[in-house]
């Protein structure tokens, strides 16, 4: 698993760079999963949300599971306003479900 912390602004300019960087990473990667930690994102626009959605839908096609975790308030607010919180699995803050205790 590879965990990347995204911080700062995610906008039309930075989203393009993120998409390009993750494309290169996916082409060279041997890891089966990628976790994008969104806790440091201070601004998020619609282009960024669709970029994240594209990443979440495309990388699994090449065998890389993608999870978005710990979305900042900026990400959650933007996703809700755009109606993409469910598509991006951010309804519960993008957190992983708690472990289930077995009897």
PDB file of N, CA and C in Angstrom:
ATOM      1  N   UNK A   1       0.851  -1.173   0.000  1.00  0.00           N
ATOM      2  CA  UNK A   1       0.000   0.000   0.000  1.00  0.00           C
ATOM      3  C   UNK A   1       0.896   1.235   0.000  1.00  0.00           C
ATOM      4  N   UNK A   2       0.488   2.204  -0.770  1.00  0.00           N
ATOM      5  CA  UNK A   2       1.174   3.493  -0.820  1.00  0.00           C
ATOM      6  C   UNK A   2       0.193   4.551  -0.348  1.00  0.00           C
ATOM      7  N   UNK A   3       0.621   5.364   0.621  1.00  0.00           N
ATOM      8  CA  UNK A   3      -0.237   6.426   1.143  1.00  0.00           C
ATOM      9  C   UNK A   3       0.383   7.768   0.782  1.00  0.00           C
ATOM     10  N   UNK A   4      -0.410   8.610   0.112  1.00  0.00           N
ATOM     11  CA  UNK A   4       0.041   9.939  -0.277  1.00  0.00           C
ATOM     12  C   UNK A   4      -0.791  10.982   0.441  1.00  0.00           C
ATOM     13  N   UNK A   5      -0.119  11.951   1.024  1.00  0.00           N
ATOM     14  CA  UNK A   5      -0.794  13.059   1.689  1.00  0.00           C
ATOM     15  C   UNK A   5      -0.880  14.219   0.711  1.00  0.00           C
ATOM     16  N   UNK A   6      -2.098  14.629   0.392  1.00  0.00           N
ATOM     17  CA  UNK A   6      -2.302  15.790  -0.466  1.00  0.00           C
ATOM     18  C   UNK A   6      -2.525  16.988   0.427  1.00  0.00           C
ATOM     19  N   UNK A   7      -1.844  18.098   0.109  1.00  0.00           N
ATOM     20  CA  UNK A   7      -2.056  19.292   0.914  1.00  0.00           C
ATOM     21  C   UNK A   7      -2.068  20.523   0.027  1.00  0.00           C
ATOM     22  N   UNK A   8      -2.631  21.585   0.573  1.00  0.00           N
ATOM     23  CA  UNK A   8      -2.749  22.823  -0.184  1.00  0.00           C
ATOM     24  C   UNK A   8      -4.022  22.840  -1.003  1.00  0.00           C
ATOM     25  N   UNK A   9      -3.985  23.607  -2.071  1.00  0.00           N
ATOM     26  CA  UNK A   9      -5.172  23.774  -2.913  1.00  0.00           C
ATOM     27  C   UNK A   9      -5.237  22.730  -4.011  1.00  0.00           C
ATOM     28  N   UNK A  10      -6.431  22.174  -4.194  1.00  0.00           N
ATOM     29  CA  UNK A  10      -6.711  21.311  -5.331  1.00  0.00           C
ATOM     30  C   UNK A  10      -7.633  22.101  -6.246  1.00  0.00           C
ATOM     31  N   UNK A  11      -7.106  22.515  -7.369  1.00  0.00           N
ATOM     32  CA  UNK A  11      -7.913  23.268  -8.327  1.00  0.00           C
ATOM     33  C   UNK A  11      -7.607  22.768  -9.731  1.00  0.00           C
ATOM     34  N   UNK A  12      -8.133  23.440 -10.723  1.00  0.00           N
ATOM     35  CA  UNK A  12      -7.988  22.980 -12.097  1.00  0.00           C
ATOM     36  C   UNK A  12      -6.515  22.821 -12.480  1.00  0.00           C
ATOM     37  N   UNK A  13      -5.642  23.675 -11.976  1.00  0.00           N
ATOM     38  CA  UNK A  13      -4.223  23.576 -12.304  1.00  0.00           C
ATOM     39  C   UNK A  13      -3.537  22.422 -11.574  1.00  0.00           C
ATOM     40  N   UNK A  14      -3.755  22.309 -10.286  1.00  0.00           N
ATOM     41  CA  UNK A  14      -3.096  21.253  -9.518  1.00  0.00           C
ATOM     42  C   UNK A  14      -3.722  19.889  -9.782  1.00  0.00           C
ATOM     43  N   UNK A  15      -4.999  19.857 -10.137  1.00  0.00           N
ATOM     44  CA  UNK A  15      -5.658  18.582 -10.433  1.00  0.00           C
ATOM     45  C   UNK A  15      -5.035  17.935 -11.663  1.00  0.00           C
ATOM     46  N   UNK A  16      -4.687  18.744 -12.645  1.00  0.00           N
ATOM     47  CA  UNK A  16      -4.048  18.202 -13.850  1.00  0.00           C
ATOM     48  C   UNK A  16      -2.701  17.582 -13.512  1.00  0.00           C
ATOM     49  N   UNK A  17      -1.929  18.255 -12.667  1.00  0.00           N
ATOM     50  CA  UNK A  17      -0.625  17.719 -12.256  1.00  0.00           C
ATOM     51  C   UNK A  17      -0.802  16.441 -11.449  1.00  0.00           C
ATOM     52  N   UNK A  18      -1.797  16.404 -10.568  1.00  0.00           N
ATOM     53  CA  UNK A  18      -2.073  15.206  -9.774  1.00  0.00           C
ATOM     54  C   UNK A  18      -2.409  14.033 -10.688  1.00  0.00           C
ATOM     55  N   UNK A  19      -3.262  14.276 -11.660  1.00  0.00           N
ATOM     56  CA  UNK A  19      -3.650  13.223 -12.604  1.00  0.00           C
ATOM     57  C   UNK A  19      -2.422  12.691 -13.348  1.00  0.00           C
ATOM     58  N   UNK A  20      -1.573  13.597 -13.808  1.00  0.00           N
ATOM     59  CA  UNK A  20      -0.372  13.182 -14.538  1.00  0.00           C
ATOM     60  C   UNK A  20       0.581  12.395 -13.639  1.00  0.00           C
ATOM     61  N   UNK A  21       0.794  12.895 -12.419  1.00  0.00           N
ATOM     62  CA  UNK A  21       1.693  12.212 -11.484  1.00  0.00           C
ATOM     63  C   UNK A  21       1.190  10.820 -11.141  1.00  0.00           C
ATOM     64  N   UNK A  22      -0.113  10.688 -10.916  1.00  0.00           N
ATOM     65  CA  UNK A  22      -0.662   9.374 -10.567  1.00  0.00           C
ATOM     66  C   UNK A  22      -0.673   8.429 -11.762  1.00  0.00           C
ATOM     67  N   UNK A  23      -0.765   8.969 -12.967  1.00  0.00           N
ATOM     68  CA  UNK A  23      -0.679   8.134 -14.168  1.00  0.00           C
ATOM     69  C   UNK A  23       0.710   7.518 -14.265  1.00  0.00           C
ATOM     70  N   UNK A  24       1.739   8.334 -14.033  1.00  0.00           N
ATOM     71  CA  UNK A  24       3.119   7.832 -14.052  1.00  0.00           C
ATOM     72  C   UNK A  24       3.319   6.818 -12.930  1.00  0.00           C
ATOM     73  N   UNK A  25       2.830   7.147 -11.749  1.00  0.00           N
ATOM     74  CA  UNK A  25       2.954   6.244 -10.604  1.00  0.00           C
ATOM     75  C   UNK A  25       2.309   4.895 -10.908  1.00  0.00           C
ATOM     76  N   UNK A  26       1.111   4.929 -11.475  1.00  0.00           N
ATOM     77  CA  UNK A  26       0.396   3.687 -11.783  1.00  0.00           C
ATOM     78  C   UNK A  26       1.157   2.853 -12.810  1.00  0.00           C
ATOM     79  N   UNK A  27       1.752   3.525 -13.773  1.00  0.00           N
ATOM     80  CA  UNK A  27       2.492   2.802 -14.808  1.00  0.00           C
ATOM     81  C   UNK A  27       3.731   2.102 -14.250  1.00  0.00           C
ATOM     82  N   UNK A  28       4.310   2.670 -13.197  1.00  0.00           N
ATOM     83  CA  UNK A  28       5.546   2.129 -12.632  1.00  0.00           C
ATOM     84  C   UNK A  28       5.331   1.319 -11.354  1.00  0.00           C
ATOM     85  N   UNK A  29       4.127   1.327 -10.840  1.00  0.00           N
ATOM     86  CA  UNK A  29       3.869   0.793  -9.509  1.00  0.00           C
ATOM     87  C   UNK A  29       3.710  -0.713  -9.482  1.00  0.00           C
ATOM     88  N   UNK A  30       4.111  -1.251  -8.348  1.00  0.00           N
ATOM     89  CA  UNK A  30       3.854  -2.666  -8.076  1.00  0.00           C
ATOM     90  C   UNK A  30       2.961  -2.816  -6.846  1.00  0.00           C
ATOM     91  N   UNK A  31       2.512  -1.681  -6.279  1.00  0.00           N
ATOM     92  CA  UNK A  31       1.651  -1.733  -5.097  1.00  0.00           C
ATOM     93  C   UNK A  31       0.208  -1.969  -5.523  1.00  0.00           C
ATOM     94  N   UNK A  32      -0.527  -2.771  -4.744  1.00  0.00           N
ATOM     95  CA  UNK A  32      -1.907  -3.065  -5.115  1.00  0.00           C
ATOM     96  C   UNK A  32      -2.917  -2.018  -4.668  1.00  0.00           C
ATOM     97  N   UNK A  33      -2.490  -1.088  -3.799  1.00  0.00           N
ATOM     98  CA  UNK A  33      -3.462  -0.094  -3.344  1.00  0.00           C
ATOM     99  C   UNK A  33      -2.798   1.250  -3.097  1.00  0.00           C
ATOM    100  N   UNK A  34      -3.606   2.286  -3.302  1.00  0.00           N
ATOM    101  CA  UNK A  34      -3.180   3.664  -3.130  1.00  0.00           C
ATOM    102  C   UNK A  34      -4.183   4.352  -2.219  1.00  0.00           C
ATOM    103  N   UNK A  35      -3.678   4.977  -1.176  1.00  0.00           N
ATOM    104  CA  UNK A  35      -4.519   5.720  -0.254  1.00  0.00           C
ATOM    105  C   UNK A  35      -4.173   7.190  -0.414  1.00  0.00           C
ATOM    106  N   UNK A  36      -5.163   7.997  -0.748  1.00  0.00           N
ATOM    107  CA  UNK A  36      -4.974   9.438  -0.868  1.00  0.00           C
ATOM    108  C   UNK A  36      -5.549  10.092   0.377  1.00  0.00           C
ATOM    109  N   UNK A  37      -4.679  10.629   1.194  1.00  0.00           N
ATOM    110  CA  UNK A  37      -5.064  11.313   2.428  1.00  0.00           C
ATOM    111  C   UNK A  37      -5.347  12.767   2.075  1.00  0.00           C
ATOM    112  N   UNK A  38      -6.589  13.182   2.231  1.00  0.00           N
ATOM    113  CA  UNK A  38      -7.029  14.514   1.826  1.00  0.00           C
ATOM    114  C   UNK A  38      -7.111  15.486   2.997  1.00  0.00           C
ATOM    115  N   UNK A  39      -6.514  15.132   4.124  1.00  0.00           N
ATOM    116  CA  UNK A  39      -6.645  15.959   5.322  1.00  0.00           C
ATOM    117  C   UNK A  39      -5.981  17.324   5.191  1.00  0.00           C
ATOM    118  N   UNK A  40      -5.003  17.456   4.321  1.00  0.00           N
ATOM    119  CA  UNK A  40      -4.292  18.723   4.180  1.00  0.00           C
ATOM    120  C   UNK A  40      -4.808  19.626   3.078  1.00  0.00           C
ATOM    121  N   UNK A  41      -5.876  19.231   2.412  1.00  0.00           N
ATOM    122  CA  UNK A  41      -6.405  20.035   1.305  1.00  0.00           C
ATOM    123  C   UNK A  41      -7.172  21.232   1.864  1.00  0.00           C
ATOM    124  N   UNK A  42      -6.762  22.433   1.462  1.00  0.00           N
ATOM    125  CA  UNK A  42      -7.371  23.660   1.976  1.00  0.00           C
ATOM    126  C   UNK A  42      -8.412  24.258   1.043  1.00  0.00           C
ATOM    127  N   UNK A  43      -8.402  23.851  -0.216  1.00  0.00           N
ATOM    128  CA  UNK A  43      -9.369  24.324  -1.207  1.00  0.00           C
ATOM    129  C   UNK A  43      -9.566  23.220  -2.216  1.00  0.00           C
ATOM    130  N   UNK A  44     -10.806  23.064  -2.675  1.00  0.00           N
ATOM    131  CA  UNK A  44     -11.106  22.007  -3.643  1.00  0.00           C
ATOM    132  C   UNK A  44     -12.199  22.504  -4.577  1.00  0.00           C
ATOM    133  N   UNK A  45     -11.951  22.435  -5.883  1.00  0.00           N
ATOM    134  CA  UNK A  45     -12.962  22.880  -6.838  1.00  0.00           C
ATOM    135  C   UNK A  45     -13.551  21.672  -7.579  1.00  0.00           C
ATOM    136  N   UNK A  46     -14.488  21.961  -8.455  1.00  0.00           N
ATOM    137  CA  UNK A  46     -15.201  20.903  -9.183  1.00  0.00           C
ATOM    138  C   UNK A  46     -14.259  20.085 -10.067  1.00  0.00           C
ATOM    139  N   UNK A  47     -13.318  20.743 -10.715  1.00  0.00           N
ATOM    140  CA  UNK A  47     -12.361  20.019 -11.562  1.00  0.00           C
ATOM    141  C   UNK A  47     -11.584  18.996 -10.741  1.00  0.00           C
ATOM    142  N   UNK A  48     -11.209  19.378  -9.541  1.00  0.00           N
ATOM    143  CA  UNK A  48     -10.466  18.468  -8.659  1.00  0.00           C
ATOM    144  C   UNK A  48     -11.312  17.270  -8.248  1.00  0.00           C
ATOM    145  N   UNK A  49     -12.561  17.533  -7.944  1.00  0.00           N
ATOM    146  CA  UNK A  49     -13.448  16.441  -7.550  1.00  0.00           C
ATOM    147  C   UNK A  49     -13.603  15.429  -8.679  1.00  0.00           C
ATOM    148  N   UNK A  50     -13.780  15.925  -9.897  1.00  0.00           N
ATOM    149  CA  UNK A  50     -13.907  15.012 -11.031  1.00  0.00           C
ATOM    150  C   UNK A  50     -12.594  14.306 -11.336  1.00  0.00           C
ATOM    151  N   UNK A  51     -11.475  14.968 -11.063  1.00  0.00           N
ATOM    152  CA  UNK A  51     -10.178  14.305 -11.215  1.00  0.00           C
ATOM    153  C   UNK A  51     -10.060  13.163 -10.221  1.00  0.00           C
ATOM    154  N   UNK A  52     -10.420  13.420  -8.957  1.00  0.00           N
ATOM    155  CA  UNK A  52     -10.383  12.358  -7.945  1.00  0.00           C
ATOM    156  C   UNK A  52     -11.318  11.213  -8.318  1.00  0.00           C
ATOM    157  N   UNK A  53     -12.498  11.553  -8.812  1.00  0.00           N
ATOM    158  CA  UNK A  53     -13.446  10.524  -9.226  1.00  0.00           C
ATOM    159  C   UNK A  53     -12.871   9.691 -10.366  1.00  0.00           C
ATOM    160  N   UNK A  54     -12.249  10.359 -11.323  1.00  0.00           N
ATOM    161  CA  UNK A  54     -11.622   9.637 -12.438  1.00  0.00           C
ATOM    162  C   UNK A  54     -10.516   8.717 -11.969  1.00  0.00           C
ATOM    163  N   UNK A  55      -9.713   9.183 -11.026  1.00  0.00           N
ATOM    164  CA  UNK A  55      -8.642   8.364 -10.457  1.00  0.00           C
ATOM    165  C   UNK A  55      -9.231   7.134  -9.764  1.00  0.00           C
ATOM    166  N   UNK A  56     -10.282   7.355  -8.983  1.00  0.00           N
ATOM    167  CA  UNK A  56     -10.922   6.249  -8.254  1.00  0.00           C
ATOM    168  C   UNK A  56     -11.553   5.223  -9.186  1.00  0.00           C
ATOM    169  N   UNK A  57     -11.951   5.649 -10.351  1.00  0.00           N
ATOM    170  CA  UNK A  57     -12.597   4.721 -11.296  1.00  0.00           C
ATOM    171  C   UNK A  57     -11.609   4.105 -12.279  1.00  0.00           C
ATOM    172  N   UNK A  58     -10.497   4.771 -12.545  1.00  0.00           N
ATOM    173  CA  UNK A  58      -9.564   4.313 -13.566  1.00  0.00           C
ATOM    174  C   UNK A  58      -8.481   3.393 -13.026  1.00  0.00           C
ATOM    175  N   UNK A  59      -7.862   3.758 -11.912  1.00  0.00           N
ATOM    176  CA  UNK A  59      -6.755   2.949 -11.412  1.00  0.00           C
ATOM    177  C   UNK A  59      -7.148   1.509 -11.087  1.00  0.00           C
ATOM    178  N   UNK A  60      -8.356   1.247 -10.587  1.00  0.00           N
ATOM    179  CA  UNK A  60      -8.719  -0.167 -10.374  1.00  0.00           C
ATOM    180  C   UNK A  60      -8.702  -0.989 -11.671  1.00  0.00           C
ATOM    181  N   UNK A  61      -8.854  -0.337 -12.808  1.00  0.00           N
ATOM    182  CA  UNK A  61      -8.815  -1.052 -14.078  1.00  0.00           C
ATOM    183  C   UNK A  61      -7.424  -1.606 -14.393  1.00  0.00           C
ATOM    184  N   UNK A  62      -6.405  -1.024 -13.744  1.00  0.00           N
ATOM    185  CA  UNK A  62      -5.044  -1.524 -13.916  1.00  0.00           C
ATOM    186  C   UNK A  62      -4.554  -2.223 -12.650  1.00  0.00           C
ATOM    187  N   UNK A  63      -5.501  -2.578 -11.768  1.00  0.00           N
ATOM    188  CA  UNK A  63      -5.175  -3.377 -10.602  1.00  0.00           C
ATOM    189  C   UNK A  63      -4.739  -2.617  -9.367  1.00  0.00           C
ATOM    190  N   UNK A  64      -5.021  -1.319  -9.314  1.00  0.00           N
ATOM    191  CA  UNK A  64      -4.654  -0.532  -8.140  1.00  0.00           C
ATOM    192  C   UNK A  64      -5.925  -0.032  -7.462  1.00  0.00           C
ATOM    193  N   UNK A  65      -6.171  -0.534  -6.262  1.00  0.00           N
ATOM    194  CA  UNK A  65      -7.313  -0.082  -5.469  1.00  0.00           C
ATOM    195  C   UNK A  65      -7.007   1.323  -4.955  1.00  0.00           C
ATOM    196  N   UNK A  66      -7.995   2.206  -5.007  1.00  0.00           N
ATOM    197  CA  UNK A  66      -7.806   3.583  -4.547  1.00  0.00           C
ATOM    198  C   UNK A  66      -8.810   3.879  -3.441  1.00  0.00           C
ATOM    199  N   UNK A  67      -8.309   4.466  -2.354  1.00  0.00           N
ATOM    200  CA  UNK A  67      -9.190   4.914  -1.276  1.00  0.00           C
ATOM    201  C   UNK A  67      -8.872   6.368  -0.956  1.00  0.00           C
ATOM    202  N   UNK A  68      -9.907   7.149  -0.766  1.00  0.00           N
ATOM    203  CA  UNK A  68      -9.770   8.538  -0.328  1.00  0.00           C
ATOM    204  C   UNK A  68     -10.079   8.554   1.164  1.00  0.00           C
ATOM    205  N   UNK A  69      -9.158   9.064   1.969  1.00  0.00           N
ATOM    206  CA  UNK A  69      -9.358   9.064   3.417  1.00  0.00           C
ATOM    207  C   UNK A  69      -9.148  10.453   3.986  1.00  0.00           C
ATOM    208  N   UNK A  70      -9.758  10.652   5.142  1.00  0.00           N
ATOM    209  CA  UNK A  70      -9.626  11.862   5.938  1.00  0.00           C
ATOM    210  C   UNK A  70      -9.795  13.156   5.132  1.00  0.00           C
ATOM    211  N   UNK A  71     -10.900  13.280   4.415  1.00  0.00           N
ATOM    212  CA  UNK A  71     -11.106  14.500   3.641  1.00  0.00           C
ATOM    213  C   UNK A  71     -11.238  15.716   4.557  1.00  0.00           C
ATOM    214  N   UNK A  72     -10.607  16.787   4.164  1.00  0.00           N
ATOM    215  CA  UNK A  72     -10.700  18.029   4.936  1.00  0.00           C
ATOM    216  C   UNK A  72     -12.117  18.594   4.791  1.00  0.00           C
ATOM    217  N   UNK A  73     -12.405  19.591   5.585  1.00  0.00           N
ATOM    218  CA  UNK A  73     -13.703  20.261   5.497  1.00  0.00           C
ATOM    219  C   UNK A  73     -13.904  20.849   4.111  1.00  0.00           C
ATOM    220  N   UNK A  74     -12.838  21.355   3.498  1.00  0.00           N
ATOM    221  CA  UNK A  74     -12.942  21.935   2.156  1.00  0.00           C
ATOM    222  C   UNK A  74     -13.358  20.878   1.130  1.00  0.00           C
ATOM    223  N   UNK A  75     -12.800  19.691   1.239  1.00  0.00           N
ATOM    224  CA  UNK A  75     -13.139  18.603   0.311  1.00  0.00           C
ATOM    225  C   UNK A  75     -14.564  18.129   0.547  1.00  0.00           C
ATOM    226  N   UNK A  76     -14.923  17.906   1.809  1.00  0.00           N
ATOM    227  CA  UNK A  76     -16.283  17.439   2.117  1.00  0.00           C
ATOM    228  C   UNK A  76     -17.330  18.446   1.654  1.00  0.00           C
ATOM    229  N   UNK A  77     -17.100  19.721   1.919  1.00  0.00           N
ATOM    230  CA  UNK A  77     -18.055  20.756   1.525  1.00  0.00           C
ATOM    231  C   UNK A  77     -18.203  20.820   0.007  1.00  0.00           C
ATOM    232  N   UNK A  78     -17.086  20.828  -0.697  1.00  0.00           N
ATOM    233  CA  UNK A  78     -17.135  20.889  -2.164  1.00  0.00           C
ATOM    234  C   UNK A  78     -17.848  19.666  -2.741  1.00  0.00           C
ATOM    235  N   UNK A  79     -17.553  18.493  -2.194  1.00  0.00           N
ATOM    236  CA  UNK A  79     -18.166  17.263  -2.699  1.00  0.00           C
ATOM    237  C   UNK A  79     -19.669  17.242  -2.447  1.00  0.00           C
ATOM    238  N   UNK A  80     -20.080  17.701  -1.284  1.00  0.00           N
ATOM    239  CA  UNK A  80     -21.522  17.754  -0.994  1.00  0.00           C
ATOM    240  C   UNK A  80     -22.223  18.733  -1.916  1.00  0.00           C
ATOM    241  N   UNK A  81     -21.644  19.905  -2.102  1.00  0.00           N
ATOM    242  CA  UNK A  81     -22.253  20.914  -2.981  1.00  0.00           C
ATOM    243  C   UNK A  81     -22.368  20.423  -4.419  1.00  0.00           C
ATOM    244  N   UNK A  82     -21.384  19.644  -4.847  1.00  0.00           N
ATOM    245  CA  UNK A  82     -21.388  19.124  -6.219  1.00  0.00           C
ATOM    246  C   UNK A  82     -22.205  17.844  -6.349  1.00  0.00           C
ATOM    247  N   UNK A  83     -22.669  17.301  -5.236  1.00  0.00           N
ATOM    248  CA  UNK A  83     -23.422  16.050  -5.269  1.00  0.00           C
ATOM    249  C   UNK A  83     -22.541  14.838  -5.531  1.00  0.00           C
ATOM    250  N   UNK A  84     -21.255  14.934  -5.180  1.00  0.00           N
ATOM    251  CA  UNK A  84     -20.319  13.843  -5.445  1.00  0.00           C
ATOM    252  C   UNK A  84     -19.821  13.133  -4.182  1.00  0.00           C
ATOM    253  N   UNK A  85     -20.356  13.499  -3.029  1.00  0.00           N
ATOM    254  CA  UNK A  85     -19.885  12.889  -1.780  1.00  0.00           C
ATOM    255  C   UNK A  85     -20.068  11.375  -1.786  1.00  0.00           C
ATOM    256  N   UNK A  86     -21.183  10.898  -2.284  1.00  0.00           N
ATOM    257  CA  UNK A  86     -21.432   9.459  -2.330  1.00  0.00           C
ATOM    258  C   UNK A  86     -20.534   8.797  -3.363  1.00  0.00           C
ATOM    259  N   UNK A  87     -20.400   9.398  -4.542  1.00  0.00           N
ATOM    260  CA  UNK A  87     -19.556   8.825  -5.591  1.00  0.00           C
ATOM    261  C   UNK A  87     -18.105   8.699  -5.147  1.00  0.00           C
ATOM    262  N   UNK A  88     -17.653   9.647  -4.337  1.00  0.00           N
ATOM    263  CA  UNK A  88     -16.279   9.637  -3.840  1.00  0.00           C
ATOM    264  C   UNK A  88     -16.145   8.921  -2.502  1.00  0.00           C
ATOM    265  N   UNK A  89     -17.237   8.364  -2.009  1.00  0.00           N
ATOM    266  CA  UNK A  89     -17.270   7.666  -0.720  1.00  0.00           C
ATOM    267  C   UNK A  89     -16.833   8.587   0.419  1.00  0.00           C
ATOM    268  N   UNK A  90     -17.357   9.801   0.408  1.00  0.00           N
ATOM    269  CA  UNK A  90     -17.011  10.775   1.437  1.00  0.00           C
ATOM    270  C   UNK A  90     -18.157  11.023   2.406  1.00  0.00           C
ATOM    271  N   UNK A  91     -19.239  10.280   2.276  1.00  0.00           N
ATOM    272  CA  UNK A  91     -20.389  10.495   3.146  1.00  0.00           C
ATOM    273  C   UNK A  91     -20.043  10.342   4.618  1.00  0.00           C
ATOM    274  N   UNK A  92     -19.122   9.441   4.907  1.00  0.00           N
ATOM    275  CA  UNK A  92     -18.714   9.230   6.299  1.00  0.00           C
ATOM    276  C   UNK A  92     -17.328   9.814   6.518  1.00  0.00           C
ATOM    277  N   UNK A  93     -16.998  10.864   5.770  1.00  0.00           N
ATOM    278  CA  UNK A  93     -15.697  11.478   5.931  1.00  0.00           C
ATOM    279  C   UNK A  93     -14.597  10.721   5.209  1.00  0.00           C
ATOM    280  N   UNK A  94     -14.960   9.727   4.410  1.00  0.00           N
ATOM    281  CA  UNK A  94     -13.970   8.954   3.691  1.00  0.00           C
ATOM    282  C   UNK A  94     -13.152   8.037   4.581  1.00  0.00           C
ATOM    283  N   UNK A  95     -13.580   7.899   5.830  1.00  0.00           N
ATOM    284  CA  UNK A  95     -12.832   7.072   6.760  1.00  0.00           C
ATOM    285  C   UNK A  95     -13.119   5.607   6.501  1.00  0.00           C
ATOM    286  N   UNK A  96     -12.170   4.806   6.832  1.00  0.00           N
ATOM    287  CA  UNK A  96     -12.382   3.375   6.709  1.00  0.00           C
ATOM    288  C   UNK A  96     -13.379   2.938   7.775  1.00  0.00           C
ATOM    289  N   UNK A  97     -14.214   1.958   7.468  1.00  0.00           N
ATOM    290  CA  UNK A  97     -15.148   1.484   8.489  1.00  0.00           C
ATOM    291  C   UNK A  97     -14.383   0.879   9.655  1.00  0.00           C
ATOM    292  N   UNK A  98     -14.967   0.951  10.843  1.00  0.00           N
ATOM    293  CA  UNK A  98     -14.278   0.365  11.995  1.00  0.00           C
ATOM    294  C   UNK A  98     -14.200  -1.139  11.846  1.00  0.00           C
ATOM    295  N   UNK A  99     -13.172  -1.740  12.442  1.00  0.00           N
ATOM    296  CA  UNK A  99     -13.062  -3.196  12.349  1.00  0.00           C
ATOM    297  C   UNK A  99     -14.236  -3.870  13.045  1.00  0.00           C
ATOM    298  N   UNK A 100     -14.607  -4.996  12.514  1.00  0.00           N
ATOM    299  CA  UNK A 100     -15.709  -5.767  13.093  1.00  0.00           C
ATOM    300  C   UNK A 100     -15.128  -6.798  14.038  1.00  0.00           C
ATOM    301  N   UNK A 101     -15.635  -6.817  15.247  1.00  0.00           N
ATOM    302  CA  UNK A 101     -15.174  -7.804  16.231  1.00  0.00           C
ATOM    303  C   UNK A 101     -15.844  -9.137  15.962  1.00  0.00           C
ATOM    304  N   UNK A 102     -15.062 -10.158  15.866  1.00  0.00           N
ATOM    305  CA  UNK A 102     -15.621 -11.497  15.654  1.00  0.00           C
ATOM    306  C   UNK A 102     -15.872 -12.161  17.004  1.00  0.00           C
ATOM    307  N   UNK A 103     -16.978 -12.910  17.090  1.00  0.00           N
ATOM    308  CA  UNK A 103     -17.293 -13.574  18.364  1.00  0.00           C
ATOM    309  C   UNK A 103     -16.298 -14.656  18.695  1.00  0.00           C
TER     310      UNK A 103
END
